[in-house]
Structures are given as structure tokens and as C-alpha cells.
Amino acid sequence: MVAVDEAFTGHLWDGESYVVLYKYLYKNTPLYATYFWQGRRSTIVDKGRAAALVVDLAAKLKIDSVQLRVPQGKEPAHLLRVFGGHLVVHSGR
């Protein structure tokens, strides 16, 4: 897993898979949602690694997290809101 430079926040590549950890408060309690976004041209291996990283991340951070698989083109509104309402998807890796 490699952190994405802040300058590229909201920019994804269709040949990659990404893990997004989102922390939010609900009634003053911190809750977590972990998305694993799968680019259309991402390999099966990369998709599987992203799914495994979601589980590993929750265990490492000792958090309970709602885990959401997001294939490219099926982004839910709540994920888009994390990125200010939209994503830019580039071709390539």
C-alpha cells in the first residue's frame, strides 16, 4: 500500500485499485468506512490485494469499519462526497 500524494486527491487511474479510509463522527462517536475502489482495468490480483488491505488496515488500526467494494462507474454518492462531489478517473496506471 502506498499513500497518494495530496495533490492527487480525487484523481484515480483505471488500471489501479485504491483503499480509502474515511473517519466521521456520529453522536460524538468516531466511525469508519473503508472503501476499496476497483478500476475497470485493474488486475484481479490488484483487486484482491485491495480487498485484503481493507481487512488488514482495520485490524492494524484496531477499528470496526464498514467495508465497501466500489467498482469503477458505480461510485456511491457518499464516496463522491469524500472527494468534494466528484472524482477524476484517468486512463492507465
Protein backbone atom coordinates (compact mmCIF):
# COMPACT_ATOMS: atom_id res chain seq x y z
CA MET A 1 0.00 0.00 0.00
CA VAL A 2 1.32 3.42 -0.98
CA ALA A 3 -0.08 6.74 0.20
CA VAL A 4 -1.39 9.01 -2.55
CA ASP A 5 0.12 12.49 -2.69
CA GLU A 6 -2.41 15.07 -1.51
CA ALA A 7 -2.12 16.88 -4.86
CA PHE A 8 -3.75 13.83 -6.48
CA THR A 9 -6.69 13.59 -4.08
CA GLY A 10 -9.78 12.75 -6.12
CA HIS A 11 -7.73 11.57 -9.12
CA LEU A 12 -7.76 7.82 -9.74
CA TRP A 13 -6.35 5.64 -12.54
CA ASP A 14 -8.47 2.92 -14.11
CA GLY A 15 -5.57 0.43 -14.06
CA GLU A 16 -5.29 0.60 -10.27
CA SER A 17 -7.23 -0.25 -7.13
CA TYR A 18 -7.41 2.11 -4.15
CA VAL A 19 -8.26 1.89 -0.46
CA VAL A 20 -9.91 4.93 1.12
CA LEU A 21 -10.30 5.12 4.89
CA TYR A 22 -12.93 7.66 5.91
CA LYS A 23 -13.45 8.67 9.54
CA TYR A 24 -16.56 10.53 10.60
CA LEU A 25 -18.40 11.38 13.79
CA TYR A 26 -21.89 10.20 14.66
CA LYS A 27 -23.28 11.38 18.00
CA ASN A 28 -19.72 12.25 19.07
CA THR A 29 -18.56 8.70 18.33
CA PRO A 30 -15.86 8.14 15.69
CA LEU A 31 -16.97 5.71 12.99
CA TYR A 32 -15.12 4.44 9.93
CA ALA A 33 -15.94 3.48 6.37
CA THR A 34 -13.31 1.79 4.24
CA TYR A 35 -13.86 1.84 0.50
CA PHE A 36 -11.90 -0.27 -1.94
CA TRP A 37 -12.27 1.24 -5.39
CA GLN A 38 -11.50 -1.05 -8.30
CA GLY A 39 -10.52 0.49 -11.60
CA ARG A 40 -12.05 -1.02 -14.73
CA ARG A 41 -8.63 -2.16 -15.98
CA SER A 42 -7.23 -3.13 -12.58
CA THR A 43 -5.95 -6.71 -12.47
CA ILE A 44 -7.65 -9.46 -10.47
CA VAL A 45 -4.52 -9.57 -8.29
CA ASP A 46 -4.71 -5.82 -7.57
CA LYS A 47 -8.41 -6.04 -6.79
CA GLY A 48 -7.78 -8.91 -4.39
CA ARG A 49 -4.90 -7.09 -2.72
CA ALA A 50 -7.08 -4.02 -2.16
CA ALA A 51 -9.77 -6.17 -0.54
CA ALA A 52 -7.17 -7.84 1.71
CA LEU A 53 -5.66 -4.46 2.63
CA VAL A 54 -9.05 -3.24 3.83
CA VAL A 55 -9.23 -6.12 6.31
CA ASP A 56 -5.57 -5.71 7.33
CA LEU A 57 -5.96 -1.96 7.82
CA ALA A 58 -8.94 -2.36 10.15
CA ALA A 59 -7.04 -4.98 12.19
CA LYS A 60 -3.86 -2.88 12.32
CA LEU A 61 -5.74 0.25 13.44
CA LYS A 62 -7.98 -1.79 15.77
CA ILE A 63 -11.14 -0.27 14.39
CA ASP A 64 -14.52 -1.55 13.29
CA SER A 65 -15.15 -0.36 9.78
CA VAL A 66 -17.94 -0.65 7.25
CA GLN A 67 -16.20 -2.09 4.20
CA LEU A 68 -17.49 -1.15 0.77
CA ARG A 69 -16.37 -2.52 -2.59
CA VAL A 70 -16.73 0.10 -5.32
CA PRO A 71 -16.24 -0.89 -8.98
CA GLN A 72 -15.39 1.97 -11.33
CA GLY A 73 -18.54 3.64 -12.61
CA LYS A 74 -20.61 2.53 -9.58
CA GLU A 75 -19.37 5.14 -7.09
CA PRO A 76 -21.99 5.88 -4.42
CA ALA A 77 -22.82 9.48 -3.56
CA HIS A 78 -21.29 9.14 -0.08
CA LEU A 79 -17.89 8.22 -1.58
CA LEU A 80 -18.08 11.13 -4.01
CA ARG A 81 -18.79 13.50 -1.12
CA VAL A 82 -15.48 12.40 0.47
CA PHE A 83 -13.81 13.88 -2.63
CA GLY A 84 -15.83 17.08 -2.79
CA GLY A 85 -18.58 15.67 -5.01
CA HIS A 86 -16.60 14.21 -7.90
CA LEU A 87 -13.72 12.01 -8.99
CA VAL A 88 -11.44 12.30 -12.00
CA VAL A 89 -10.60 8.90 -13.47
CA HIS A 90 -7.54 8.75 -15.71
CA SER A 91 -6.62 6.00 -18.15
CA GLY A 92 -3.58 3.95 -17.16
CA ARG A 93 -1.65 3.07 -14.03
